[in-house]
Amino acid sequence: MSPSILVTGPSSGIGRACAEAFLDAGWQVGLFARRQAALDEVAKGRDNAIVLQGDVTRPEDAARAVSGLVAAAGRLDVLFNNAGIFTPAAPIDEVPLDDWQRALDVNLTGMFLMARAAFGQMRRQVPQGGRIINNGSISAHAPRPGSVTYTTTKHAITGLTKTLSLDGRNFGIACGQIDIGNARTDLLAGVVEQAVAAGEAPPPSMDVAEVARAVVQMASLPPEANVQFMTLMATTMPYIGRG
C-alpha cells in the first residue's frame, strides 16, 4: 500500500508544491484547506488525491480531515503541518489586535489542532507510529522588522516541534521542522515587486521545488531516522552573520 500524507494549506505556494511532489511520487495525499475550488484544481486527474475541505482553526474540521484521510488511505503516515498566514508588517504598537489573533489562530492554534488530531491517530493505529513535519520559518530564528505576529507564532512552533518529539518517542511518532527562507511563490513575488518599485535589489530566492524535494526527503525516512530541524534557504540570504 502506498504511504499516506495529510498536507495542510495545499491550495498555493509551498503547500501546493509539496502536495504535488508527493502526488507525483505516488503517495496517497490528503489535501486540507478552506477553498474547495483550489483543492479540486490540485487534485484534478489524480486518483491518489483526497480532497478534504475545511478550516485548520476548527477542532472538528481538523479531526474530520484526519479521519477522512484514514478512511480513504487506511492509515496516516505523515502530517505536513504547513498552513499559515502573514499579517501586514508593522511595529507592535501599530498592530491591530485582530491581526494578532488571526496569526495565533492559524499559525499556532491551527498547527496545534492538526498535530493533536494526527498524533492521536498515529498513537492508535496498527502498526503504531508516524511522522509530523512542521513548517517553521527562518523567522523562528531571525525575525524581520515589523513581523511580531508571524515571528512570535513561528518561535512557538519550534517549541511545539520539540515537545511532539518527546511525547512521540513511546509511540513511534517522529516530529521534525523545516525552516524555509525565500522560496519563489506568489507571496514572494509581491515582496520582489515592492523592492523593485522602491528601487531596491530583489531579495535572494530559490525555486519552491527545492522545498518540496526536501519535505519529501524528510517524509521518506525510515522510522528509525528523523530530520529534527532543517534550514533551507536561498544561499545568499542575509541570515548568517551581519549585513
C-alpha atoms as a PDB file:
ATOM      1  CA  MET A   1       0.000   0.000   0.000  1.00  0.00           C
ATOM      2  CA  SER A   2       1.264   3.489  -0.841  1.00  0.00           C
ATOM      3  CA  PRO A   3       2.243   5.702   2.101  1.00  0.00           C
ATOM      4  CA  SER A   4      -0.138   8.478   3.067  1.00  0.00           C
ATOM      5  CA  ILE A   5       0.362  12.122   3.947  1.00  0.00           C
ATOM      6  CA  LEU A   6      -2.008  14.885   5.013  1.00  0.00           C
ATOM      7  CA  VAL A   7      -0.941  18.330   3.764  1.00  0.00           C
ATOM      8  CA  THR A   8      -2.497  21.463   5.225  1.00  0.00           C
ATOM      9  CA  GLY A   9      -2.618  24.604   3.111  1.00  0.00           C
ATOM     10  CA  PRO A  10      -2.013  22.879  -0.264  1.00  0.00           C
ATOM     11  CA  SER A  11      -4.008  25.424  -2.275  1.00  0.00           C
ATOM     12  CA  SER A  12      -0.970  27.506  -3.233  1.00  0.00           C
ATOM     13  CA  GLY A  13       2.671  28.276  -2.520  1.00  0.00           C
ATOM     14  CA  ILE A  14       4.822  25.861  -0.552  1.00  0.00           C
ATOM     15  CA  GLY A  15       1.879  23.669   0.403  1.00  0.00           C
ATOM     16  CA  ARG A  16       0.815  23.166  -3.193  1.00  0.00           C
ATOM     17  CA  ALA A  17       4.357  22.489  -4.405  1.00  0.00           C
ATOM     18  CA  CYS A  18       4.808  19.864  -1.706  1.00  0.00           C
ATOM     19  CA  ALA A  19       1.417  18.253  -2.273  1.00  0.00           C
ATOM     20  CA  GLU A  20       2.105  17.946  -5.997  1.00  0.00           C
ATOM     21  CA  ALA A  21       5.538  16.422  -5.318  1.00  0.00           C
ATOM     22  CA  PHE A  22       4.011  13.757  -3.088  1.00  0.00           C
ATOM     23  CA  LEU A  23       1.275  13.073  -5.640  1.00  0.00           C
ATOM     24  CA  ASP A  24       3.921  12.659  -8.351  1.00  0.00           C
ATOM     25  CA  ALA A  25       5.815  10.258  -6.060  1.00  0.00           C
ATOM     26  CA  GLY A  26       2.729   8.038  -5.734  1.00  0.00           C
ATOM     27  CA  TRP A  27       1.743   8.848  -2.159  1.00  0.00           C
ATOM     28  CA  GLN A  28      -1.877   8.958  -1.049  1.00  0.00           C
ATOM     29  CA  VAL A  29      -2.228  12.694  -0.376  1.00  0.00           C
ATOM     30  CA  GLY A  30      -4.915  14.359   1.717  1.00  0.00           C
ATOM     31  CA  LEU A  31      -5.434  17.977   0.658  1.00  0.00           C
ATOM     32  CA  PHE A  32      -6.831  20.042   3.522  1.00  0.00           C
ATOM     33  CA  ALA A  33      -7.682  23.737   3.121  1.00  0.00           C
ATOM     34  CA  ARG A  34     -10.644  26.089   3.049  1.00  0.00           C
ATOM     35  CA  ARG A  35     -11.021  26.747  -0.695  1.00  0.00           C
ATOM     36  CA  GLN A  36     -12.812  23.848  -2.382  1.00  0.00           C
ATOM     37  CA  ALA A  37     -12.164  25.084  -5.929  1.00  0.00           C
ATOM     38  CA  ALA A  38      -8.417  25.396  -5.312  1.00  0.00           C
ATOM     39  CA  LEU A  39      -8.273  21.897  -3.826  1.00  0.00           C
ATOM     40  CA  ASP A  40     -10.173  20.484  -6.786  1.00  0.00           C
ATOM     41  CA  GLU A  41      -7.645  22.106  -9.117  1.00  0.00           C
ATOM     42  CA  VAL A  42      -4.700  20.456  -7.332  1.00  0.00           C
ATOM     43  CA  ALA A  43      -6.489  17.101  -7.290  1.00  0.00           C
ATOM     44  CA  LYS A  44      -7.668  17.161 -10.922  1.00  0.00           C
ATOM     45  CA  GLY A  45      -6.740  13.966 -12.735  1.00  0.00           C
ATOM     46  CA  ARG A  46      -5.054  12.475  -9.660  1.00  0.00           C
ATOM     47  CA  ASP A  47      -6.502   9.218  -8.354  1.00  0.00           C
ATOM     48  CA  ASN A  48      -4.259   9.432  -5.292  1.00  0.00           C
ATOM     49  CA  ALA A  49      -5.527  12.881  -4.213  1.00  0.00           C
ATOM     50  CA  ILE A  50      -8.050  13.055  -1.376  1.00  0.00           C
ATOM     51  CA  VAL A  51      -9.834  16.405  -1.108  1.00  0.00           C
ATOM     52  CA  LEU A  52     -10.630  17.364   2.493  1.00  0.00           C
ATOM     53  CA  GLN A  53     -12.153  20.826   2.634  1.00  0.00           C
ATOM     54  CA  GLY A  54     -12.155  22.583   5.994  1.00  0.00           C
ATOM     55  CA  ASP A  55     -10.513  25.081   8.346  1.00  0.00           C
ATOM     56  CA  VAL A  56      -7.453  24.247  10.466  1.00  0.00           C
ATOM     57  CA  THR A  57      -8.671  26.577  13.216  1.00  0.00           C
ATOM     58  CA  ARG A  58     -11.752  24.406  13.873  1.00  0.00           C
ATOM     59  CA  PRO A  59     -11.149  21.332  16.054  1.00  0.00           C
ATOM     60  CA  GLU A  60     -13.955  19.405  14.409  1.00  0.00           C
ATOM     61  CA  ASP A  61     -12.541  20.101  10.931  1.00  0.00           C
ATOM     62  CA  ALA A  62      -9.050  19.010  11.982  1.00  0.00           C
ATOM     63  CA  ALA A  63     -10.422  15.732  13.349  1.00  0.00           C
ATOM     64  CA  ARG A  64     -12.549  15.235  10.226  1.00  0.00           C
ATOM     65  CA  ALA A  65      -9.546  15.784   7.946  1.00  0.00           C
ATOM     66  CA  VAL A  66      -7.559  13.083   9.718  1.00  0.00           C
ATOM     67  CA  SER A  67     -10.446  10.620   9.776  1.00  0.00           C
ATOM     68  CA  GLY A  68     -11.207  11.346   6.111  1.00  0.00           C
ATOM     69  CA  LEU A  69      -7.643  10.624   5.079  1.00  0.00           C
ATOM     70  CA  VAL A  70      -7.601   7.404   7.098  1.00  0.00           C
ATOM     71  CA  ALA A  71     -10.940   6.290   5.630  1.00  0.00           C
ATOM     72  CA  ALA A  72      -9.501   6.667   2.119  1.00  0.00           C
ATOM     73  CA  ALA A  73      -5.891   5.554   2.653  1.00  0.00           C
ATOM     74  CA  GLY A  74      -6.132   3.127   5.571  1.00  0.00           C
ATOM     75  CA  ARG A  75      -3.734   4.971   7.902  1.00  0.00           C
ATOM     76  CA  LEU A  76      -1.926   8.280   8.393  1.00  0.00           C
ATOM     77  CA  ASP A  77       1.824   8.025   7.880  1.00  0.00           C
ATOM     78  CA  VAL A  78       2.798  11.715   7.752  1.00  0.00           C
ATOM     79  CA  LEU A  79       1.305  15.115   8.546  1.00  0.00           C
ATOM     80  CA  PHE A  80       2.861  18.105   6.808  1.00  0.00           C
ATOM     81  CA  ASN A  81       1.663  20.845   9.154  1.00  0.00           C
ATOM     82  CA  ASN A  82       2.043  23.709   6.707  1.00  0.00           C
ATOM     83  CA  ALA A  83      -0.919  26.097   6.742  1.00  0.00           C
ATOM     84  CA  GLY A  84      -0.088  29.624   7.872  1.00  0.00           C
ATOM     85  CA  ILE A  85      -0.678  33.295   7.190  1.00  0.00           C
ATOM     86  CA  PHE A  86       1.201  36.586   7.191  1.00  0.00           C
ATOM     87  CA  THR A  87      -0.308  39.779   8.547  1.00  0.00           C
ATOM     88  CA  PRO A  88       0.714  43.283   7.400  1.00  0.00           C
ATOM     89  CA  ALA A  89       4.134  44.368   8.662  1.00  0.00           C
ATOM     90  CA  ALA A  90       4.067  46.981  11.421  1.00  0.00           C
ATOM     91  CA  PRO A  91       5.769  47.869  14.720  1.00  0.00           C
ATOM     92  CA  ILE A  92       3.983  46.293  17.662  1.00  0.00           C
ATOM     93  CA  ASP A  93       2.095  49.435  18.733  1.00  0.00           C
ATOM     94  CA  GLU A  94       0.522  49.647  15.269  1.00  0.00           C
ATOM     95  CA  VAL A  95      -0.545  46.005  15.051  1.00  0.00           C
ATOM     96  CA  PRO A  96      -4.352  45.625  15.223  1.00  0.00           C
ATOM     97  CA  LEU A  97      -5.441  43.074  17.791  1.00  0.00           C
ATOM     98  CA  ASP A  98      -7.442  41.345  15.060  1.00  0.00           C
ATOM     99  CA  ASP A  99      -4.204  40.687  13.114  1.00  0.00           C
ATOM    100  CA  TRP A 100      -2.532  39.300  16.233  1.00  0.00           C
ATOM    101  CA  GLN A 101      -5.479  36.997  16.891  1.00  0.00           C
ATOM    102  CA  ARG A 102      -5.672  35.805  13.279  1.00  0.00           C
ATOM    103  CA  ALA A 103      -1.979  34.897  13.315  1.00  0.00           C
ATOM    104  CA  LEU A 104      -2.376  32.991  16.577  1.00  0.00           C
ATOM    105  CA  ASP A 105      -5.495  31.209  15.341  1.00  0.00           C
ATOM    106  CA  VAL A 106      -3.976  29.918  12.097  1.00  0.00           C
ATOM    107  CA  ASN A 107      -0.229  29.732  12.681  1.00  0.00           C
ATOM    108  CA  LEU A 108      -0.290  28.364  16.205  1.00  0.00           C
ATOM    109  CA  THR A 109      -3.694  27.031  17.234  1.00  0.00           C
ATOM    110  CA  GLY A 110      -4.287  25.576  13.770  1.00  0.00           C
ATOM    111  CA  MET A 111      -0.986  23.729  13.828  1.00  0.00           C
ATOM    112  CA  PHE A 112      -1.645  22.543  17.386  1.00  0.00           C
ATOM    113  CA  LEU A 113      -5.071  21.196  16.423  1.00  0.00           C
ATOM    114  CA  MET A 114      -3.716  19.368  13.391  1.00  0.00           C
ATOM    115  CA  ALA A 115      -0.810  17.899  15.355  1.00  0.00           C
ATOM    116  CA  ARG A 116      -3.199  16.864  18.130  1.00  0.00           C
ATOM    117  CA  ALA A 117      -5.540  15.052  15.728  1.00  0.00           C
ATOM    118  CA  ALA A 118      -2.675  13.415  13.812  1.00  0.00           C
ATOM    119  CA  PHE A 119      -0.846  12.346  16.987  1.00  0.00           C
ATOM    120  CA  GLY A 120      -3.976  10.675  18.325  1.00  0.00           C
ATOM    121  CA  GLN A 121      -4.455   8.728  15.095  1.00  0.00           C
ATOM    122  CA  MET A 122      -0.793   7.688  14.873  1.00  0.00           C
ATOM    123  CA  ARG A 123      -0.851   6.545  18.502  1.00  0.00           C
ATOM    124  CA  ARG A 124      -3.952   4.376  17.963  1.00  0.00           C
ATOM    125  CA  GLN A 125      -3.298   2.893  14.538  1.00  0.00           C
ATOM    126  CA  VAL A 126      -1.732  -0.513  13.901  1.00  0.00           C
ATOM    127  CA  PRO A 127       1.151  -0.612  13.336  1.00  0.00           C
ATOM    128  CA  GLN A 128       1.599   2.316  15.662  1.00  0.00           C
ATOM    129  CA  GLY A 129       3.552   5.438  14.698  1.00  0.00           C
ATOM    130  CA  GLY A 130       4.028   8.090  12.049  1.00  0.00           C
ATOM    131  CA  ARG A 131       5.730  11.390  11.403  1.00  0.00           C
ATOM    132  CA  ILE A 132       4.776  15.047  11.815  1.00  0.00           C
ATOM    133  CA  ILE A 133       6.658  17.722   9.864  1.00  0.00           C
ATOM    134  CA  ASN A 134       6.028  21.294  10.989  1.00  0.00           C
ATOM    135  CA  ASN A 135       6.636  24.201   8.635  1.00  0.00           C
ATOM    136  CA  GLY A 136       8.577  26.689  10.744  1.00  0.00           C
ATOM    137  CA  SER A 137      10.400  29.617   9.183  1.00  0.00           C
ATOM    138  CA  ILE A 138      13.666  31.495   9.151  1.00  0.00           C
ATOM    139  CA  SER A 139      11.623  33.804  11.400  1.00  0.00           C
ATOM    140  CA  ALA A 140      11.759  31.094  14.048  1.00  0.00           C
ATOM    141  CA  HIS A 141      15.433  32.107  14.428  1.00  0.00           C
ATOM    142  CA  ALA A 142      15.996  35.581  12.948  1.00  0.00           C
ATOM    143  CA  PRO A 143      12.969  37.880  12.585  1.00  0.00           C
ATOM    144  CA  ARG A 144      12.440  40.719  10.149  1.00  0.00           C
ATOM    145  CA  PRO A 145      11.411  44.143  11.498  1.00  0.00           C
ATOM    146  CA  GLY A 146       7.674  44.603  11.813  1.00  0.00           C
ATOM    147  CA  SER A 147       6.916  40.877  11.965  1.00  0.00           C
ATOM    148  CA  VAL A 148       5.834  40.443  15.577  1.00  0.00           C
ATOM    149  CA  THR A 149       2.719  38.365  14.832  1.00  0.00           C
ATOM    150  CA  TYR A 150       4.339  35.917  12.414  1.00  0.00           C
ATOM    151  CA  THR A 151       7.663  35.686  14.259  1.00  0.00           C
ATOM    152  CA  THR A 152       6.061  35.021  17.638  1.00  0.00           C
ATOM    153  CA  THR A 153       3.970  32.178  16.253  1.00  0.00           C
ATOM    154  CA  LYS A 154       6.937  30.612  14.455  1.00  0.00           C
ATOM    155  CA  HIS A 155       9.057  30.687  17.605  1.00  0.00           C
ATOM    156  CA  ALA A 156       6.188  28.852  19.278  1.00  0.00           C
ATOM    157  CA  ILE A 157       6.185  26.204  16.546  1.00  0.00           C
ATOM    158  CA  THR A 158       9.763  25.328  17.475  1.00  0.00           C
ATOM    159  CA  GLY A 159       8.525  24.560  20.992  1.00  0.00           C
ATOM    160  CA  LEU A 160       5.672  22.508  19.550  1.00  0.00           C
ATOM    161  CA  THR A 161       8.136  20.503  17.448  1.00  0.00           C
ATOM    162  CA  LYS A 162      10.413  19.724  20.382  1.00  0.00           C
ATOM    163  CA  THR A 163       7.533  18.713  22.627  1.00  0.00           C
ATOM    164  CA  LEU A 164       5.971  16.476  19.989  1.00  0.00           C
ATOM    165  CA  SER A 165       9.334  14.781  19.522  1.00  0.00           C
ATOM    166  CA  LEU A 166       9.478  13.985  23.236  1.00  0.00           C
ATOM    167  CA  ASP A 167       5.841  12.963  23.584  1.00  0.00           C
ATOM    168  CA  GLY A 168       6.012  10.784  20.475  1.00  0.00           C
ATOM    169  CA  ARG A 169       9.002   8.667  21.456  1.00  0.00           C
ATOM    170  CA  ASN A 170       6.984   5.996  23.244  1.00  0.00           C
ATOM    171  CA  PHE A 171       4.565   5.688  20.332  1.00  0.00           C
ATOM    172  CA  GLY A 172       6.886   5.605  17.320  1.00  0.00           C
ATOM    173  CA  ILE A 173       5.909   9.159  16.328  1.00  0.00           C
ATOM    174  CA  ALA A 174       8.727  11.330  14.984  1.00  0.00           C
ATOM    175  CA  CYS A 175       8.487  15.093  14.614  1.00  0.00           C
ATOM    176  CA  GLY A 176      10.724  17.447  12.662  1.00  0.00           C
ATOM    177  CA  GLN A 177      10.660  21.026  11.458  1.00  0.00           C
ATOM    178  CA  ILE A 178      11.698  22.699   8.216  1.00  0.00           C
ATOM    179  CA  ASP A 179      12.605  26.385   8.369  1.00  0.00           C
ATOM    180  CA  ILE A 180      12.334  27.936   4.919  1.00  0.00           C
ATOM    181  CA  GLY A 181      13.708  31.203   3.622  1.00  0.00           C
ATOM    182  CA  ASN A 182      12.670  32.918   0.372  1.00  0.00           C
ATOM    183  CA  ALA A 183      11.170  30.219  -1.812  1.00  0.00           C
ATOM    184  CA  ARG A 184       9.731  31.611  -5.047  1.00  0.00           C
ATOM    185  CA  THR A 185       5.960  31.644  -4.582  1.00  0.00           C
ATOM    186  CA  ASP A 186       3.215  34.160  -5.348  1.00  0.00           C
ATOM    187  CA  LEU A 187       3.770  35.583  -1.876  1.00  0.00           C
ATOM    188  CA  LEU A 188       7.459  36.254  -2.506  1.00  0.00           C
ATOM    189  CA  ALA A 189       6.608  37.701  -5.913  1.00  0.00           C
ATOM    190  CA  GLY A 190       4.787  40.513  -4.112  1.00  0.00           C
ATOM    191  CA  VAL A 191       7.868  41.210  -1.988  1.00  0.00           C
ATOM    192  CA  VAL A 192      10.015  41.331  -5.130  1.00  0.00           C
ATOM    193  CA  GLU A 193       7.618  43.748  -6.804  1.00  0.00           C
ATOM    194  CA  GLN A 194       7.720  46.057  -3.797  1.00  0.00           C
ATOM    195  CA  ALA A 195      11.518  46.022  -3.760  1.00  0.00           C
ATOM    196  CA  VAL A 196      11.778  46.803  -7.462  1.00  0.00           C
ATOM    197  CA  ALA A 197       9.213  49.601  -7.145  1.00  0.00           C
ATOM    198  CA  ALA A 198      11.297  51.106  -4.343  1.00  0.00           C
ATOM    199  CA  GLY A 199      14.455  50.944  -6.457  1.00  0.00           C
ATOM    200  CA  GLU A 200      15.954  48.176  -4.342  1.00  0.00           C
ATOM    201  CA  ALA A 201      17.534  44.894  -5.371  1.00  0.00           C
ATOM    202  CA  PRO A 202      15.091  41.977  -5.142  1.00  0.00           C
ATOM    203  CA  PRO A 203      15.782  39.549  -2.277  1.00  0.00           C
ATOM    204  CA  PRO A 204      17.698  36.340  -2.991  1.00  0.00           C
ATOM    205  CA  SER A 205      15.351  33.443  -3.690  1.00  0.00           C
ATOM    206  CA  MET A 206      15.239  29.771  -4.600  1.00  0.00           C
ATOM    207  CA  ASP A 207      12.895  27.518  -6.565  1.00  0.00           C
ATOM    208  CA  VAL A 208       9.992  26.323  -4.416  1.00  0.00           C
ATOM    209  CA  ALA A 209      10.555  22.883  -5.960  1.00  0.00           C
ATOM    210  CA  GLU A 210      13.644  22.579  -3.748  1.00  0.00           C
ATOM    211  CA  VAL A 211      11.422  22.905  -0.687  1.00  0.00           C
ATOM    212  CA  ALA A 212       9.171  20.156  -1.995  1.00  0.00           C
ATOM    213  CA  ARG A 213      12.165  17.877  -2.572  1.00  0.00           C
ATOM    214  CA  ALA A 214      13.355  18.496   0.992  1.00  0.00           C
ATOM    215  CA  VAL A 215       9.972  17.747   2.554  1.00  0.00           C
ATOM    216  CA  VAL A 216       9.633  14.543   0.523  1.00  0.00           C
ATOM    217  CA  GLN A 217      13.072  13.523   1.747  1.00  0.00           C
ATOM    218  CA  MET A 218      12.129  14.187   5.385  1.00  0.00           C
ATOM    219  CA  ALA A 219       8.867  12.283   4.994  1.00  0.00           C
ATOM    220  CA  SER A 220      10.504   9.294   3.276  1.00  0.00           C
ATOM    221  CA  LEU A 221      12.977   8.446   6.032  1.00  0.00           C
ATOM    222  CA  PRO A 222      12.596   5.093   7.781  1.00  0.00           C
ATOM    223  CA  PRO A 223      11.011   5.194  11.264  1.00  0.00           C
ATOM    224  CA  GLU A 224      14.405   4.895  12.957  1.00  0.00           C
ATOM    225  CA  ALA A 225      15.652   8.202  11.454  1.00  0.00           C
ATOM    226  CA  ASN A 226      14.432  11.769  11.738  1.00  0.00           C
ATOM    227  CA  VAL A 227      15.432  15.210  10.496  1.00  0.00           C
ATOM    228  CA  GLN A 228      14.826  17.178  13.698  1.00  0.00           C
ATOM    229  CA  PHE A 229      15.448  20.615  12.160  1.00  0.00           C
ATOM    230  CA  MET A 230      16.272  21.593   8.611  1.00  0.00           C
ATOM    231  CA  THR A 231      17.040  25.146   7.473  1.00  0.00           C
ATOM    232  CA  LEU A 232      16.541  25.537   3.730  1.00  0.00           C
ATOM    233  CA  MET A 233      17.064  28.990   2.267  1.00  0.00           C
ATOM    234  CA  ALA A 234      18.302  30.984  -0.672  1.00  0.00           C
ATOM    235  CA  THR A 235      22.099  30.759  -0.463  1.00  0.00           C
ATOM    236  CA  THR A 236      22.821  34.490  -0.198  1.00  0.00           C
ATOM    237  CA  MET A 237      20.056  35.462   2.219  1.00  0.00           C
ATOM    238  CA  PRO A 238      21.373  37.761   4.993  1.00  0.00           C
ATOM    239  CA  TYR A 239      20.670  35.200   7.691  1.00  0.00           C
ATOM    240  CA  ILE A 240      24.102  34.111   8.887  1.00  0.00           C
ATOM    241  CA  GLY A 241      26.319  36.874  10.267  1.00  0.00           C
ATOM    242  CA  ARG A 242      25.703  40.583   9.815  1.00  0.00           C
ATOM    243  CA  GLY A 243      24.525  42.592   6.857  1.00  0.00           C
END
